[in-house]
Amino acid sequence: SNACYQNSCVCVPLFYQSTLLARPLVVPHKYQEQPYQLTAKIHASQALYAGSGSKAASLHWTAERVLSILLLAMGPAAYFNPCPAIDYSLAAALTLHGHWGIGQVLTDYVHGDTKIKLANAGLFLLSTVTFAGLCYFNYNDVGICKAIALLWSK
């Protein structure tokens, strides 16, 4: 039964070994006296901006949020006033947004000094090529704003 006894609910993991679940489910277990503590080995990667007492990580987090809000504001601006300034601003903002996002994925999933260095070098190369390609497109073609407008037309 799923009952809690004597003001304390004791839980055990259900499907703890299942590869289908990201987090184990828990159900009350009436025969245990102590709660079953779930533990997991969590890889703690080194901070990208190490330094105790440093506010760099907090500033980076804030910058990511500010950039996301700016990207939301750039959508209507690009629609109502397509111009080269917005095209190049979008190129920079989209590239930086993608760079930071992929960087977080690399931080979470790439381990080992050599692999991290190679992944970061690849990320900088990808971001550089992306920004250069978007600038090339803005300069030699219709630009990001008008290209998106063309996708919506007809």
C-alpha atoms as a PDB file:
ATOM      1  CA  SER A   1       0.000   0.000   0.000  1.00  0.00           C
ATOM      2  CA  ASN A   2       1.023   3.632  -0.402  1.00  0.00           C
ATOM      3  CA  ALA A   3       0.532   4.692   3.198  1.00  0.00           C
ATOM      4  CA  CYS A   4       2.741   6.828   5.412  1.00  0.00           C
ATOM      5  CA  TYR A   5       3.114   5.706   9.006  1.00  0.00           C
ATOM      6  CA  GLN A   6       3.705   7.635  12.242  1.00  0.00           C
ATOM      7  CA  ASN A   7       4.157  11.117  10.753  1.00  0.00           C
ATOM      8  CA  SER A   8       7.124  10.043   8.630  1.00  0.00           C
ATOM      9  CA  CYS A   9       6.947   8.964   5.052  1.00  0.00           C
ATOM     10  CA  VAL A  10       9.720   6.571   4.119  1.00  0.00           C
ATOM     11  CA  CYS A  11      10.489   6.310   0.436  1.00  0.00           C
ATOM     12  CA  VAL A  12      12.448   3.870  -1.702  1.00  0.00           C
ATOM     13  CA  PRO A  13      13.342   4.285  -5.344  1.00  0.00           C
ATOM     14  CA  LEU A  14      11.063   2.743  -7.932  1.00  0.00           C
ATOM     15  CA  PHE A  15      12.695   1.823 -11.244  1.00  0.00           C
ATOM     16  CA  TYR A  16      16.019   3.055  -9.883  1.00  0.00           C
ATOM     17  CA  GLN A  17      18.004   1.013 -12.409  1.00  0.00           C
ATOM     18  CA  SER A  18      15.824   1.891 -15.377  1.00  0.00           C
ATOM     19  CA  THR A  19      17.587   3.619 -18.230  1.00  0.00           C
ATOM     20  CA  LEU A  20      14.270   5.093 -19.357  1.00  0.00           C
ATOM     21  CA  LEU A  21      14.077   7.557 -16.501  1.00  0.00           C
ATOM     22  CA  ALA A  22      16.346  10.506 -15.985  1.00  0.00           C
ATOM     23  CA  ARG A  23      15.404  10.694 -12.300  1.00  0.00           C
ATOM     24  CA  PRO A  24      14.329   7.762 -10.195  1.00  0.00           C
ATOM     25  CA  LEU A  25      10.754   7.724  -8.980  1.00  0.00           C
ATOM     26  CA  VAL A  26      10.105   7.118  -5.313  1.00  0.00           C
ATOM     27  CA  VAL A  27       7.250   5.344  -3.598  1.00  0.00           C
ATOM     28  CA  PRO A  28       6.463   5.047   0.104  1.00  0.00           C
ATOM     29  CA  HIS A  29       7.853   1.898   1.713  1.00  0.00           C
ATOM     30  CA  LYS A  30       6.246   0.810   4.948  1.00  0.00           C
ATOM     31  CA  TYR A  31       8.891  -1.673   6.127  1.00  0.00           C
ATOM     32  CA  GLN A  32      11.923   0.597   6.374  1.00  0.00           C
ATOM     33  CA  GLU A  33      12.609   2.610   9.490  1.00  0.00           C
ATOM     34  CA  GLN A  34      15.026   5.112   7.929  1.00  0.00           C
ATOM     35  CA  PRO A  35      14.433   6.992   4.708  1.00  0.00           C
ATOM     36  CA  TYR A  36      16.315   5.599   1.756  1.00  0.00           C
ATOM     37  CA  GLN A  37      18.707   8.303   0.646  1.00  0.00           C
ATOM     38  CA  LEU A  38      19.196   8.626  -3.057  1.00  0.00           C
ATOM     39  CA  THR A  39      22.718   9.463  -4.044  1.00  0.00           C
ATOM     40  CA  ALA A  40      24.137  10.120  -7.456  1.00  0.00           C
ATOM     41  CA  LYS A  41      27.605  10.691  -8.743  1.00  0.00           C
ATOM     42  CA  ILE A  42      27.508  14.141 -10.290  1.00  0.00           C
ATOM     43  CA  HIS A  43      30.419  15.364 -12.345  1.00  0.00           C
ATOM     44  CA  ALA A  44      31.415  18.757 -11.100  1.00  0.00           C
ATOM     45  CA  SER A  45      33.286  20.409 -13.938  1.00  0.00           C
ATOM     46  CA  GLN A  46      35.672  23.206 -13.184  1.00  0.00           C
ATOM     47  CA  ALA A  47      34.101  26.601 -13.234  1.00  0.00           C
ATOM     48  CA  LEU A  48      34.557  28.377 -16.510  1.00  0.00           C
ATOM     49  CA  TYR A  49      35.317  31.530 -14.617  1.00  0.00           C
ATOM     50  CA  ALA A  50      37.135  30.184 -11.593  1.00  0.00           C
ATOM     51  CA  GLY A  51      38.076  32.309  -8.674  1.00  0.00           C
ATOM     52  CA  SER A  52      36.386  32.293  -5.333  1.00  0.00           C
ATOM     53  CA  GLY A  53      34.544  35.488  -4.659  1.00  0.00           C
ATOM     54  CA  SER A  54      34.563  36.340  -8.357  1.00  0.00           C
ATOM     55  CA  LYS A  55      31.406  37.751  -9.840  1.00  0.00           C
ATOM     56  CA  ALA A  56      32.369  36.765 -13.379  1.00  0.00           C
ATOM     57  CA  ALA A  57      30.066  33.739 -13.449  1.00  0.00           C
ATOM     58  CA  SER A  58      27.152  35.831 -12.191  1.00  0.00           C
ATOM     59  CA  LEU A  59      27.880  38.542 -14.747  1.00  0.00           C
ATOM     60  CA  HIS A  60      28.063  35.919 -17.499  1.00  0.00           C
ATOM     61  CA  TRP A  61      24.679  34.512 -16.426  1.00  0.00           C
ATOM     62  CA  THR A  62      23.211  38.014 -16.439  1.00  0.00           C
ATOM     63  CA  ALA A  63      24.721  38.746 -19.856  1.00  0.00           C
ATOM     64  CA  GLU A  64      23.127  35.587 -21.267  1.00  0.00           C
ATOM     65  CA  ARG A  65      19.711  36.689 -19.999  1.00  0.00           C
ATOM     66  CA  VAL A  66      20.146  40.235 -21.295  1.00  0.00           C
ATOM     67  CA  LEU A  67      21.157  38.896 -24.712  1.00  0.00           C
ATOM     68  CA  SER A  68      18.093  36.628 -24.803  1.00  0.00           C
ATOM     69  CA  ILE A  69      15.827  39.585 -24.024  1.00  0.00           C
ATOM     70  CA  LEU A  70      17.579  41.704 -26.660  1.00  0.00           C
ATOM     71  CA  LEU A  71      17.024  38.948 -29.217  1.00  0.00           C
ATOM     72  CA  LEU A  72      13.316  39.005 -28.395  1.00  0.00           C
ATOM     73  CA  ALA A  73      13.267  42.767 -28.923  1.00  0.00           C
ATOM     74  CA  MET A  74      15.250  42.533 -32.160  1.00  0.00           C
ATOM     75  CA  GLY A  75      12.537  40.421 -33.801  1.00  0.00           C
ATOM     76  CA  PRO A  76       9.936  43.181 -34.026  1.00  0.00           C
ATOM     77  CA  ALA A  77      12.643  45.754 -34.766  1.00  0.00           C
ATOM     78  CA  ALA A  78      13.874  43.660 -37.672  1.00  0.00           C
ATOM     79  CA  TYR A  79      10.327  43.260 -38.976  1.00  0.00           C
ATOM     80  CA  PHE A  80       9.286  46.906 -38.765  1.00  0.00           C
ATOM     81  CA  ASN A  81      12.633  48.496 -39.641  1.00  0.00           C
ATOM     82  CA  PRO A  82      14.892  46.174 -41.644  1.00  0.00           C
ATOM     83  CA  CYS A  83      18.251  47.880 -42.028  1.00  0.00           C
ATOM     84  CA  PRO A  84      21.946  46.971 -42.090  1.00  0.00           C
ATOM     85  CA  ALA A  85      22.431  47.979 -38.438  1.00  0.00           C
ATOM     86  CA  ILE A  86      19.841  45.441 -37.314  1.00  0.00           C
ATOM     87  CA  ASP A  87      21.181  42.835 -39.749  1.00  0.00           C
ATOM     88  CA  TYR A  88      24.687  43.066 -38.293  1.00  0.00           C
ATOM     89  CA  SER A  89      23.352  43.284 -34.734  1.00  0.00           C
ATOM     90  CA  LEU A  90      21.397  40.092 -35.347  1.00  0.00           C
ATOM     91  CA  ALA A  91      24.480  38.435 -36.806  1.00  0.00           C
ATOM     92  CA  ALA A  92      26.485  39.271 -33.695  1.00  0.00           C
ATOM     93  CA  ALA A  93      23.713  38.452 -31.206  1.00  0.00           C
ATOM     94  CA  LEU A  94      22.744  35.148 -32.819  1.00  0.00           C
ATOM     95  CA  THR A  95      26.370  34.064 -33.060  1.00  0.00           C
ATOM     96  CA  LEU A  96      27.078  34.962 -29.440  1.00  0.00           C
ATOM     97  CA  HIS A  97      23.863  33.288 -28.265  1.00  0.00           C
ATOM     98  CA  GLY A  98      24.801  30.093 -30.116  1.00  0.00           C
ATOM     99  CA  HIS A  99      28.399  30.264 -28.898  1.00  0.00           C
ATOM    100  CA  TRP A 100      27.351  30.500 -25.256  1.00  0.00           C
ATOM    101  CA  GLY A 101      24.729  27.764 -25.648  1.00  0.00           C
ATOM    102  CA  ILE A 102      27.075  25.277 -27.314  1.00  0.00           C
ATOM    103  CA  GLY A 103      29.747  26.223 -24.781  1.00  0.00           C
ATOM    104  CA  GLN A 104      27.424  25.117 -21.980  1.00  0.00           C
ATOM    105  CA  VAL A 105      26.832  21.789 -23.725  1.00  0.00           C
ATOM    106  CA  LEU A 106      30.586  21.303 -24.067  1.00  0.00           C
ATOM    107  CA  THR A 107      31.101  22.157 -20.391  1.00  0.00           C
ATOM    108  CA  ASP A 108      28.539  19.536 -19.420  1.00  0.00           C
ATOM    109  CA  TYR A 109      29.599  16.706 -21.733  1.00  0.00           C
ATOM    110  CA  VAL A 110      33.261  17.069 -22.691  1.00  0.00           C
ATOM    111  CA  HIS A 111      35.794  15.895 -20.126  1.00  0.00           C
ATOM    112  CA  GLY A 112      39.577  15.670 -20.187  1.00  0.00           C
ATOM    113  CA  ASP A 113      41.998  18.518 -20.753  1.00  0.00           C
ATOM    114  CA  THR A 114      42.866  17.663 -24.354  1.00  0.00           C
ATOM    115  CA  LYS A 115      39.257  17.070 -25.358  1.00  0.00           C
ATOM    116  CA  ILE A 116      38.150  20.307 -23.719  1.00  0.00           C
ATOM    117  CA  LYS A 117      40.850  22.280 -25.552  1.00  0.00           C
ATOM    118  CA  LEU A 118      39.920  20.695 -28.888  1.00  0.00           C
ATOM    119  CA  ALA A 119      36.202  21.252 -28.307  1.00  0.00           C
ATOM    120  CA  ASN A 120      36.751  24.904 -27.356  1.00  0.00           C
ATOM    121  CA  ALA A 121      38.973  25.465 -30.391  1.00  0.00           C
ATOM    122  CA  GLY A 122      36.279  23.909 -32.578  1.00  0.00           C
ATOM    123  CA  LEU A 123      33.628  26.075 -30.955  1.00  0.00           C
ATOM    124  CA  PHE A 124      35.626  29.272 -31.568  1.00  0.00           C
ATOM    125  CA  LEU A 125      36.210  28.217 -35.164  1.00  0.00           C
ATOM    126  CA  LEU A 126      32.492  27.452 -35.645  1.00  0.00           C
ATOM    127  CA  SER A 127      31.461  30.767 -34.087  1.00  0.00           C
ATOM    128  CA  THR A 128      33.954  32.700 -36.202  1.00  0.00           C
ATOM    129  CA  VAL A 129      32.794  31.028 -39.418  1.00  0.00           C
ATOM    130  CA  THR A 130      29.148  31.575 -38.438  1.00  0.00           C
ATOM    131  CA  PHE A 131      29.642  35.281 -37.777  1.00  0.00           C
ATOM    132  CA  ALA A 132      31.713  35.723 -40.945  1.00  0.00           C
ATOM    133  CA  GLY A 133      29.070  33.881 -42.979  1.00  0.00           C
ATOM    134  CA  LEU A 134      26.236  35.996 -41.603  1.00  0.00           C
ATOM    135  CA  CYS A 135      28.196  39.195 -42.258  1.00  0.00           C
ATOM    136  CA  TYR A 136      28.964  38.000 -45.786  1.00  0.00           C
ATOM    137  CA  PHE A 137      25.260  37.281 -46.294  1.00  0.00           C
ATOM    138  CA  ASN A 138      24.314  40.725 -44.957  1.00  0.00           C
ATOM    139  CA  TYR A 139      26.846  42.478 -47.201  1.00  0.00           C
ATOM    140  CA  ASN A 140      26.444  40.500 -50.442  1.00  0.00           C
ATOM    141  CA  ASP A 141      22.791  39.459 -50.313  1.00  0.00           C
ATOM    142  CA  VAL A 142      19.478  40.754 -48.934  1.00  0.00           C
ATOM    143  CA  GLY A 143      20.438  40.524 -45.257  1.00  0.00           C
ATOM    144  CA  ILE A 144      18.962  38.567 -42.381  1.00  0.00           C
ATOM    145  CA  CYS A 145      15.863  40.760 -41.915  1.00  0.00           C
ATOM    146  CA  LYS A 146      14.748  40.676 -45.532  1.00  0.00           C
ATOM    147  CA  ALA A 147      15.639  36.983 -45.874  1.00  0.00           C
ATOM    148  CA  ILE A 148      13.284  36.091 -43.032  1.00  0.00           C
ATOM    149  CA  ALA A 149      10.604  38.344 -44.529  1.00  0.00           C
ATOM    150  CA  LEU A 150      11.034  36.514 -47.851  1.00  0.00           C
ATOM    151  CA  LEU A 151      10.515  33.186 -46.079  1.00  0.00           C
ATOM    152  CA  TRP A 152       7.163  34.432 -44.737  1.00  0.00           C
ATOM    153  CA  SER A 153       5.971  35.881 -48.052  1.00  0.00           C
ATOM    154  CA  LYS A 154       4.048  33.790 -50.554  1.00  0.00           C
END
